[in-house]
Amino acid sequence: MHRPVARAQLRALILASALLSRSPALACAQSPLEPFSSPLGRVAVTERSDFSRYDDGRYVGHVYREARLGLEASPSIGGAVEYRGEALVLEETLRDNRAAARRLDAAVPVEFVVEPGGGVRFRVDEGYPILRGLPDAPPRAALLGDRWVGEGVVVVRPRPAYPATRVDVLVEYEYAGETRYADRRAFSIRARYAVRYKGGDRLGDPDMTGSAGSRTADILIDAEDGSTLFVRESVDETFSYRGGSTVRLKGFILHFHRGGAPYDRARIASLLGPSGAGGSGAPGAGPDSSLGSGRAEARIAEVPAAEVPAAEAPATEAQAAVPTPGAFELVTGERGVVLLLYDLRFVADGDELLASEAGRLDAIAAALGRIPDRGFLVEGHSADLGRPAGQYELSERRAKRIVDELTARGIPAARFVYRGRGADEPIAPNDTEANRARNRRVEITVLD
């Protein structure tokens, strides 16, 4: 979401900053920072906040927040760029629990347009992304030490149960030279801005009356394509509310950006499938399939289980008549490559897996272990039997059980996010036991 400086009232500041002293020797040793813009295509953004929290001046704990955004940037009318996707919002937790698997709190849509002049217009705004209009490109090629000014918006949510609030900020940037990031040549930018909220956000927390504080940011830009690679914000802000209460957040926010090349999904599917395990041939595209929410998916392959024994004690006699499938089936989904696990054998009305599922779990863990650079979303689904509340609760417990089993087989727990979907997303009618067995499934998505 880069925005060039467009407002006339900032020009004087820009011209004045260009006169600030800099070392000619150092400037010559560094490549200039040319005006940049974000490339089109897939981008994944992970936002991680790590704060010490003080309520009314009293320290109450160290909290950790995370959201994972998957966005597609495409050209729009008149030279604008349209961003569409979703944010996976994880529940807030104590810092000491960061290494554990996290429950997914919400999946919210994200849709906005960046105009040619830099303006950002949201069509759907649930508070993500939390950093908007930053970083801003210099108006012309910048040498080491050059400064410029831009505008942006930061989104804050000091009270997790209340709406997010948008705060306009004026940002001063300074070009800090060349560096390296994950074996990539990058340009380093420093930024600073004050967060001063005086009301006016109709979508924000209605009880927030003001804010005071400042941020500094270290920003890395890809030297090859102008995309943002990484932003680290240092934060110390206090928010005030009606009635006189305050919330202070002190810590940092990390923003990790990653472009999603078109071949990534094919690469991941090949690692998950038989070829990734040393088998013959890469999985090929197959007939269309369908998952929940009406999403059209492409079936890739069915991966056999590694010596999956017959069920020892199926939950019901009807389930015993359902043929045992392979370890999983691969399809492509909106968020990435999906492993479909049909008819997992759990104890009736519980989350304990039957011993006969050990072979399938071994095969799944082996497949996921071949992908070291992605997170996994585990979603439990149930057949439409019984009370909806019970379906949600049971499907979540079963998703968490799969996470625990895979973690016990060597996959780091911090790579997992999980949730229960109940019977909201059937992929077959609930009219026969065979169809209910397909709905009674777990999906593991390799997030883009």
Protein backbone atom coordinates (compact mmCIF):
# COMPACT_ATOMS: atom_id res chain seq x y z
CA MET A 1 0.00 0.00 0.00
CA HIS A 2 2.59 2.56 -1.08
CA ARG A 3 1.42 6.13 -1.62
CA PRO A 4 3.43 8.91 -3.27
CA VAL A 5 3.32 12.33 -1.59
CA ALA A 6 0.46 14.20 -3.21
CA ARG A 7 -0.46 17.12 -0.95
CA ALA A 8 0.86 20.57 -1.78
CA GLN A 9 1.18 21.62 1.85
CA LEU A 10 3.90 19.00 2.32
CA ARG A 11 6.17 20.33 -0.42
CA ALA A 12 7.82 22.92 1.78
CA LEU A 13 8.73 20.25 4.28
CA ILE A 14 10.12 18.03 1.55
CA LEU A 15 12.25 20.81 0.07
CA ALA A 16 13.51 21.82 3.47
CA SER A 17 14.47 18.27 4.38
CA ALA A 18 16.49 17.96 1.16
CA LEU A 19 18.81 20.67 2.52
CA LEU A 20 19.66 18.67 5.64
CA SER A 21 23.33 17.76 5.82
CA ARG A 22 24.57 14.34 4.71
CA SER A 23 28.00 12.86 4.12
CA PRO A 24 28.92 13.04 0.40
CA ALA A 25 31.32 10.11 0.81
CA LEU A 26 28.64 7.89 2.31
CA ALA A 27 26.08 9.04 -0.25
CA CYS A 28 28.36 8.03 -3.09
CA ALA A 29 28.91 4.59 -1.57
CA GLN A 30 25.20 3.79 -1.60
CA SER A 31 22.78 3.37 -4.50
CA PRO A 32 20.02 6.00 -4.61
CA LEU A 33 16.53 5.03 -3.54
CA GLU A 34 14.32 5.50 -6.58
CA PRO A 35 10.55 6.10 -6.28
CA PHE A 36 8.90 2.70 -5.93
CA SER A 37 5.48 1.09 -6.01
CA SER A 38 4.17 -2.31 -4.99
CA PRO A 39 4.09 -4.96 -7.71
CA LEU A 40 0.82 -6.66 -8.63
CA GLY A 41 -0.01 -10.20 -7.67
CA ARG A 42 -0.29 -12.21 -4.49
CA VAL A 43 1.04 -10.86 -1.22
CA ALA A 44 0.95 -12.37 2.26
CA VAL A 45 1.32 -10.07 5.27
CA THR A 46 1.79 -11.24 8.85
CA GLU A 47 1.22 -8.61 11.56
CA ARG A 48 2.60 -9.50 15.00
CA SER A 49 2.20 -7.21 18.01
CA ASP A 50 4.10 -7.74 21.26
CA PHE A 51 3.08 -5.29 24.01
CA SER A 52 3.43 -4.60 27.68
CA ARG A 53 -0.05 -3.47 28.72
CA TYR A 54 -0.93 -0.97 31.44
CA ASP A 55 -4.53 -0.29 32.47
CA ASP A 56 -4.91 3.02 34.35
CA GLY A 57 -1.17 3.04 34.92
CA ARG A 58 -1.02 -0.50 36.35
CA TYR A 59 0.94 -3.22 34.54
CA VAL A 60 -1.43 -6.09 33.71
CA GLY A 61 0.66 -8.34 31.50
CA HIS A 62 2.51 -8.91 28.26
CA VAL A 63 0.13 -9.57 25.36
CA TYR A 64 0.74 -10.96 21.93
CA ARG A 65 -1.50 -10.47 18.86
CA GLU A 66 -1.26 -11.76 15.33
CA ALA A 67 -3.13 -11.48 12.04
CA ARG A 68 -2.26 -13.14 8.74
CA LEU A 69 -3.45 -11.45 5.55
CA GLY A 70 -3.64 -13.00 2.11
CA LEU A 71 -4.26 -10.37 -0.58
CA GLU A 72 -4.38 -10.24 -4.36
CA ALA A 73 -3.38 -6.96 -6.02
CA SER A 74 -4.83 -6.42 -9.48
CA PRO A 75 -5.21 -3.43 -11.85
CA SER A 76 -8.45 -1.49 -11.62
CA ILE A 77 -10.16 1.37 -13.45
CA GLY A 78 -8.12 4.48 -14.23
CA GLY A 79 -4.76 3.11 -13.12
CA ALA A 80 -5.90 2.23 -9.60
CA VAL A 81 -4.86 -1.01 -7.88
CA GLU A 82 -7.47 -3.17 -6.18
CA TYR A 83 -6.63 -5.38 -3.19
CA ARG A 84 -8.94 -8.23 -2.23
CA GLY A 85 -8.51 -11.03 0.28
CA GLU A 86 -8.98 -11.83 3.94
CA ALA A 87 -7.33 -11.55 7.31
CA LEU A 88 -7.03 -14.51 9.65
CA VAL A 89 -7.16 -12.99 13.13
CA LEU A 90 -5.69 -15.03 15.96
CA GLU A 91 -6.88 -14.74 19.51
CA GLU A 92 -4.81 -12.54 21.80
CA THR A 93 -2.58 -14.49 24.14
CA LEU A 94 0.10 -14.04 26.75
CA ARG A 95 3.60 -13.79 25.36
CA ASP A 96 4.65 -17.00 27.12
CA ASN A 97 2.11 -18.90 25.00
CA ARG A 98 3.39 -17.76 21.62
CA ALA A 99 4.95 -21.13 20.86
CA ALA A 100 1.62 -22.94 21.22
CA ALA A 101 -0.91 -23.58 18.47
CA ARG A 102 -3.31 -20.66 18.24
CA ARG A 103 -7.07 -20.64 17.98
CA LEU A 104 -8.40 -18.67 15.04
CA ASP A 105 -10.56 -15.87 16.40
CA ALA A 106 -12.01 -14.64 13.09
CA ALA A 107 -11.55 -14.67 9.32
CA VAL A 108 -12.58 -11.27 7.97
CA PRO A 109 -12.73 -9.93 4.40
CA VAL A 110 -10.36 -7.19 3.21
CA GLU A 111 -11.13 -5.08 0.15
CA PHE A 112 -9.70 -1.68 -0.78
CA VAL A 113 -8.49 0.37 -3.74
CA VAL A 114 -5.31 2.44 -3.97
CA GLU A 115 -5.89 5.37 -6.32
CA PRO A 116 -3.15 6.60 -8.73
CA GLY A 117 -2.63 9.69 -6.52
CA GLY A 118 -2.09 7.52 -3.44
CA GLY A 119 -5.52 7.75 -1.81
CA VAL A 120 -6.85 4.57 -0.22
CA ARG A 121 -10.55 3.79 -0.42
CA PHE A 122 -11.89 0.81 1.55
CA ARG A 123 -14.86 -1.14 0.29
CA VAL A 124 -14.76 -3.55 3.23
CA ASP A 125 -12.95 -2.39 6.37
CA GLU A 126 -12.74 -4.71 9.38
CA GLY A 127 -9.58 -3.02 10.69
CA TYR A 128 -6.96 -4.82 8.55
CA PRO A 129 -4.30 -4.13 7.47
CA ILE A 130 -3.29 -2.09 10.51
CA LEU A 131 -0.65 -0.05 8.64
CA ARG A 132 -1.96 1.91 5.66
CA GLY A 133 -0.14 4.18 3.25
CA LEU A 134 3.23 3.24 4.74
CA PRO A 135 5.89 3.11 3.46
CA ASP A 136 5.58 6.10 1.17
CA ALA A 137 7.99 6.42 -1.75
CA PRO A 138 10.27 9.47 -2.06
CA PRO A 139 9.05 11.99 -4.64
CA ARG A 140 12.36 11.66 -6.49
CA ALA A 141 15.55 9.61 -6.23
CA ALA A 142 16.83 9.86 -2.65
CA LEU A 143 20.47 9.70 -1.55
CA LEU A 144 21.69 8.48 1.81
CA GLY A 145 20.31 10.76 4.53
CA ASP A 146 17.63 12.36 2.36
CA ARG A 147 14.26 12.90 4.04
CA TRP A 148 10.71 13.26 2.83
CA VAL A 149 7.24 13.43 4.33
CA GLY A 150 4.08 11.45 3.66
CA GLU A 151 0.72 10.65 5.15
CA GLY A 152 -0.69 7.38 6.38
CA VAL A 153 -3.12 5.70 8.73
CA VAL A 154 -2.45 3.36 11.64
CA VAL A 155 -5.22 1.16 13.03
CA VAL A 156 -5.28 0.56 16.78
CA ARG A 157 -7.34 -1.76 18.95
CA PRO A 158 -6.23 -1.25 22.58
CA ARG A 159 -9.35 -3.07 23.82
CA PRO A 160 -9.65 -6.35 21.85
CA ALA A 161 -13.41 -6.67 22.36
CA TYR A 162 -14.11 -3.24 20.84
CA PRO A 163 -13.93 -1.94 17.25
CA ALA A 164 -10.61 -0.93 15.73
CA THR A 165 -9.92 2.81 15.45
CA ARG A 166 -8.15 4.53 12.56
CA VAL A 167 -5.69 7.34 13.28
CA ASP A 168 -4.25 9.68 10.63
CA VAL A 169 -0.49 10.20 10.91
CA LEU A 170 2.11 12.44 9.29
CA VAL A 171 5.26 10.43 8.63
CA GLU A 172 8.85 11.63 8.24
CA TYR A 173 11.06 9.23 6.31
CA GLU A 174 14.85 9.02 5.97
CA TYR A 175 16.80 6.88 3.51
CA ALA A 176 19.27 4.80 5.54
CA GLY A 177 21.10 3.01 2.74
CA GLU A 178 21.46 -0.51 1.36
CA THR A 179 21.31 -3.72 3.36
CA ARG A 180 20.44 -7.41 3.02
CA TYR A 181 17.27 -9.22 4.07
CA ALA A 182 16.90 -12.98 3.73
CA ASP A 183 19.57 -13.06 1.01
CA ARG A 184 17.88 -10.24 -0.89
CA ARG A 185 19.30 -6.83 -1.65
CA ALA A 186 17.16 -4.26 0.12
CA PHE A 187 16.88 -0.53 0.81
CA SER A 188 16.53 0.61 4.43
CA ILE A 189 14.19 3.45 5.43
CA ARG A 190 13.66 4.91 8.88
CA ALA A 191 10.35 6.56 9.76
CA ARG A 192 8.83 8.34 12.72
CA TYR A 193 5.31 9.59 13.40
CA ALA A 194 3.08 10.67 16.26
CA VAL A 195 -0.23 8.96 16.98
CA ARG A 196 -2.69 11.68 17.99
CA TYR A 197 -6.33 10.66 17.89
CA LYS A 198 -8.92 13.39 18.42
CA GLY A 199 -12.04 11.49 17.47
CA GLY A 200 -13.80 11.27 14.14
CA ASP A 201 -13.57 7.61 13.18
CA ARG A 202 -17.20 6.55 12.80
CA LEU A 203 -16.12 2.89 12.59
CA GLY A 204 -13.88 3.08 15.64
CA ASP A 205 -14.25 2.52 19.38
CA PRO A 206 -17.02 4.98 20.38
CA ASP A 207 -15.55 5.40 23.87
CA MET A 208 -12.05 6.36 22.77
CA THR A 209 -11.53 10.10 23.31
CA GLY A 210 -7.86 10.55 22.48
CA SER A 211 -4.36 9.13 22.23
CA ALA A 212 -0.82 10.29 22.85
CA GLY A 213 2.41 8.64 21.83
CA SER A 214 4.89 8.09 19.06
CA ARG A 215 6.27 5.38 16.83
CA THR A 216 9.49 4.78 14.98
CA ALA A 217 9.76 2.25 12.17
CA ASP A 218 12.55 0.43 10.38
CA ILE A 219 11.42 -0.45 6.86
CA LEU A 220 13.04 -2.68 4.25
CA ILE A 221 12.16 -2.38 0.56
CA ASP A 222 13.10 -4.98 -2.06
CA ALA A 223 15.72 -3.40 -4.31
CA GLU A 224 14.56 -5.42 -7.32
CA ASP A 225 10.80 -4.88 -7.47
CA GLY A 226 9.96 -2.18 -4.88
CA SER A 227 7.85 -4.46 -2.69
CA THR A 228 7.85 -4.10 1.08
CA LEU A 229 9.79 -6.88 2.79
CA PHE A 230 9.64 -6.02 6.48
CA VAL A 231 8.54 -3.26 8.88
CA ARG A 232 9.38 -3.08 12.58
CA GLU A 233 7.45 -0.47 14.56
CA SER A 234 8.51 0.54 18.06
CA VAL A 235 5.40 1.64 19.95
CA ASP A 236 4.68 3.59 23.15
CA GLU A 237 1.12 4.92 23.17
CA THR A 238 -1.54 5.78 25.72
CA PHE A 239 -5.24 5.80 24.84
CA SER A 240 -7.90 7.58 26.88
CA TYR A 241 -11.59 6.74 27.21
CA ARG A 242 -14.82 8.21 28.48
CA GLY A 243 -14.89 8.06 32.24
CA GLY A 244 -11.18 8.73 32.54
CA SER A 245 -9.72 5.23 32.05
CA THR A 246 -6.51 4.73 30.07
CA VAL A 247 -4.70 1.92 28.26
CA ARG A 248 -0.97 2.11 27.55
CA LEU A 249 0.72 -0.21 25.06
CA LYS A 250 4.50 -0.35 24.94
CA GLY A 251 6.41 -2.72 22.68
CA PHE A 252 6.71 -3.41 18.98
CA ILE A 253 4.79 -4.53 15.90
CA LEU A 254 6.40 -6.66 13.19
CA HIS A 255 5.04 -6.72 9.64
CA PHE A 256 6.36 -9.54 7.44
CA HIS A 257 5.56 -9.28 3.72
CA ARG A 258 5.94 -12.06 1.21
CA GLY A 259 4.99 -12.17 -2.44
CA GLY A 260 3.31 -15.34 -3.61
CA ALA A 261 4.77 -16.52 -6.91
CA PRO A 262 2.29 -18.43 -9.11
CA TYR A 263 4.41 -21.59 -8.97
CA ASP A 264 4.37 -21.76 -5.16
CA ARG A 265 1.19 -23.83 -4.97
CA ALA A 266 2.44 -26.29 -7.57
CA ARG A 267 5.72 -26.57 -5.67
CA ILE A 268 3.92 -27.19 -2.37
CA ALA A 269 1.58 -29.74 -3.95
CA SER A 270 4.58 -31.61 -5.37
CA LEU A 271 6.21 -31.66 -1.93
CA LEU A 272 3.04 -32.96 -0.30
CA GLY A 273 2.20 -35.51 -2.95
CA PRO A 274 3.79 -38.83 -3.87
CA SER A 275 6.66 -37.17 -5.77
CA GLY A 276 7.62 -35.25 -2.66
CA ALA A 277 7.95 -38.51 -0.80
CA GLY A 278 10.10 -40.00 -3.53
CA GLY A 279 7.25 -41.57 -5.52
CA SER A 280 6.82 -41.47 -9.27
CA GLY A 281 5.45 -38.40 -10.98
CA ALA A 282 4.07 -35.08 -9.77
CA PRO A 283 0.36 -34.84 -9.02
CA GLY A 284 -1.57 -33.50 -11.95
CA ALA A 285 -4.64 -31.34 -12.20
CA GLY A 286 -7.84 -33.28 -12.09
CA PRO A 287 -11.59 -32.73 -12.14
CA ASP A 288 -13.19 -29.93 -10.20
CA SER A 289 -14.19 -30.51 -6.61
CA SER A 290 -16.05 -28.30 -4.19
CA LEU A 291 -15.46 -27.29 -0.60
CA GLY A 292 -17.48 -25.21 1.81
CA SER A 293 -18.79 -21.71 1.15
CA GLY A 294 -19.30 -22.57 -2.51
CA ARG A 295 -15.57 -22.25 -3.20
CA ALA A 296 -14.52 -23.90 -6.45
CA GLU A 297 -11.44 -26.05 -5.96
CA ALA A 298 -9.21 -28.10 -8.24
CA ARG A 299 -8.50 -31.64 -7.13
CA ILE A 300 -4.79 -32.44 -7.38
CA ALA A 301 -4.24 -35.96 -6.12
CA GLU A 302 -5.13 -38.54 -3.52
CA VAL A 303 -2.17 -39.53 -1.38
CA PRO A 304 -2.26 -43.06 0.01
CA ALA A 305 -1.76 -43.70 3.68
CA ALA A 306 1.35 -45.47 4.87
CA GLU A 307 -0.01 -48.88 5.86
CA VAL A 308 -3.30 -47.70 7.32
CA PRO A 309 -4.75 -50.71 9.20
CA ALA A 310 -8.43 -51.53 9.29
CA ALA A 311 -10.44 -49.76 11.98
CA GLU A 312 -10.29 -51.58 15.29
CA ALA A 313 -13.38 -50.11 16.86
CA PRO A 314 -15.40 -47.81 14.62
CA ALA A 315 -17.70 -45.37 16.35
CA THR A 316 -20.77 -46.85 14.68
CA GLU A 317 -21.62 -49.90 12.58
CA ALA A 318 -22.58 -47.64 9.70
CA GLN A 319 -19.15 -46.06 9.71
CA ALA A 320 -17.57 -49.51 9.51
CA ALA A 321 -19.15 -49.93 6.08
CA VAL A 322 -17.50 -46.78 4.76
CA PRO A 323 -14.28 -47.61 2.87
CA THR A 324 -11.14 -46.27 4.56
CA PRO A 325 -9.73 -43.50 2.30
CA GLY A 326 -6.07 -42.67 1.74
CA ALA A 327 -4.17 -40.48 4.16
CA PHE A 328 -5.49 -37.34 2.50
CA GLU A 329 -6.62 -35.80 -0.76
CA LEU A 330 -5.00 -32.66 -2.17
CA VAL A 331 -7.03 -29.78 -3.59
CA THR A 332 -6.33 -26.10 -4.20
CA GLY A 333 -8.34 -23.58 -2.18
CA GLU A 334 -8.66 -19.85 -1.75
CA ARG A 335 -5.96 -19.74 0.93
CA GLY A 336 -3.57 -22.31 -0.52
CA VAL A 337 -3.14 -26.04 -1.02
CA VAL A 338 -5.54 -28.07 1.16
CA LEU A 339 -5.16 -31.56 2.60
CA LEU A 340 -8.62 -33.12 2.95
CA LEU A 341 -8.87 -35.76 5.68
CA TYR A 342 -12.15 -37.63 5.24
CA ASP A 343 -13.85 -39.81 7.84
CA LEU A 344 -11.25 -39.65 10.56
CA ARG A 345 -12.11 -42.26 13.18
CA PHE A 346 -12.79 -40.62 16.52
CA VAL A 347 -14.41 -42.10 19.59
CA ALA A 348 -18.14 -41.38 19.30
CA ASP A 349 -18.98 -37.81 20.36
CA GLY A 350 -15.37 -37.25 21.43
CA ASP A 351 -12.04 -35.98 20.18
CA GLU A 352 -9.95 -39.07 20.92
CA LEU A 353 -8.66 -40.72 17.76
CA LEU A 354 -8.81 -44.47 17.37
CA ALA A 355 -5.44 -46.22 17.37
CA SER A 356 -6.05 -47.30 13.77
CA GLU A 357 -5.52 -43.68 12.61
CA ALA A 358 -1.84 -43.65 13.61
CA GLY A 359 -0.71 -44.58 10.11
CA ARG A 360 -2.64 -41.75 8.51
CA LEU A 361 -1.27 -39.26 11.01
CA ASP A 362 2.28 -40.47 10.38
CA ALA A 363 1.79 -39.94 6.63
CA ILE A 364 0.31 -36.46 7.14
CA ALA A 365 3.11 -35.40 9.49
CA ALA A 366 5.71 -36.66 7.02
CA ALA A 367 4.10 -34.65 4.22
CA LEU A 368 3.86 -31.42 6.25
CA GLY A 369 7.44 -31.89 7.43
CA ARG A 370 8.57 -31.40 3.83
CA ILE A 371 7.29 -27.79 3.90
CA PRO A 372 9.46 -25.76 6.29
CA ASP A 373 8.36 -22.26 5.31
CA ARG A 374 4.56 -22.11 5.72
CA GLY A 375 1.90 -22.04 8.42
CA PHE A 376 -1.03 -24.44 8.58
CA LEU A 377 -4.73 -23.75 9.20
CA VAL A 378 -6.52 -26.80 10.64
CA GLU A 379 -10.35 -26.70 10.42
CA GLY A 380 -12.68 -29.29 11.85
CA HIS A 381 -16.01 -30.02 10.13
CA SER A 382 -18.93 -32.13 11.33
CA ALA A 383 -21.96 -33.80 9.82
CA ASP A 384 -25.28 -32.06 10.43
CA LEU A 385 -26.40 -34.15 13.38
CA GLY A 386 -27.39 -32.87 16.80
CA ARG A 387 -27.30 -29.32 18.15
CA PRO A 388 -25.32 -26.66 16.19
CA ALA A 389 -23.57 -25.51 19.38
CA GLY A 390 -22.40 -29.05 19.98
CA GLN A 391 -21.24 -29.36 16.37
CA TYR A 392 -19.03 -26.28 16.69
CA GLU A 393 -17.57 -27.38 20.00
CA LEU A 394 -16.83 -30.91 18.86
CA SER A 395 -15.38 -29.85 15.50
CA GLU A 396 -13.01 -27.42 17.26
CA ARG A 397 -11.89 -30.05 19.76
CA ARG A 398 -11.19 -32.47 16.92
CA ALA A 399 -9.21 -29.85 14.98
CA LYS A 400 -7.13 -29.18 18.08
CA ARG A 401 -6.62 -32.93 18.55
CA ILE A 402 -5.17 -33.20 15.03
CA VAL A 403 -2.83 -30.30 15.82
CA ASP A 404 -1.70 -32.04 19.01
CA GLU A 405 -1.08 -35.31 17.16
CA LEU A 406 0.97 -33.62 14.43
CA THR A 407 2.89 -31.61 17.00
CA ALA A 408 3.74 -34.84 18.81
CA ARG A 409 5.14 -36.07 15.47
CA GLY A 410 7.61 -33.20 15.21
CA ILE A 411 5.75 -30.30 13.52
CA PRO A 412 6.25 -27.11 15.63
CA ALA A 413 3.02 -26.08 17.35
CA ALA A 414 3.57 -22.39 16.55
CA ARG A 415 3.00 -23.13 12.86
CA PHE A 416 -0.62 -24.18 13.47
CA VAL A 417 -3.84 -22.18 13.63
CA TYR A 418 -7.08 -24.06 14.22
CA ARG A 419 -10.85 -23.61 14.48
CA GLY A 420 -14.10 -25.56 14.36
CA ARG A 421 -16.63 -24.93 11.59
CA GLY A 422 -19.42 -27.24 12.75
CA ALA A 423 -21.73 -28.24 9.90
CA ASP A 424 -21.56 -24.82 8.20
CA GLU A 425 -19.64 -26.00 5.12
CA PRO A 426 -20.89 -29.41 3.92
CA ILE A 427 -19.40 -30.87 0.76
CA ALA A 428 -22.10 -33.54 0.38
CA PRO A 429 -25.77 -33.93 1.39
CA ASN A 430 -26.30 -35.25 4.91
CA ASP A 431 -28.66 -37.97 3.64
CA THR A 432 -26.51 -41.11 3.85
CA GLU A 433 -23.72 -42.30 6.12
CA ALA A 434 -21.29 -42.22 3.18
CA ASN A 435 -22.09 -38.55 2.57
CA ARG A 436 -21.98 -37.70 6.26
CA ALA A 437 -18.55 -39.34 6.39
CA ARG A 438 -17.33 -36.88 3.73
CA ASN A 439 -18.70 -33.95 5.72
CA ARG A 440 -17.14 -35.34 8.89
CA ARG A 441 -13.65 -34.21 7.93
CA VAL A 442 -10.62 -32.10 8.81
CA GLU A 443 -9.02 -29.70 6.34
CA ILE A 444 -5.38 -28.63 6.66
CA THR A 445 -4.55 -25.59 4.52
CA VAL A 446 -0.94 -24.74 3.72
CA LEU A 447 -1.29 -20.96 3.93
CA ASP A 448 0.09 -18.97 1.00
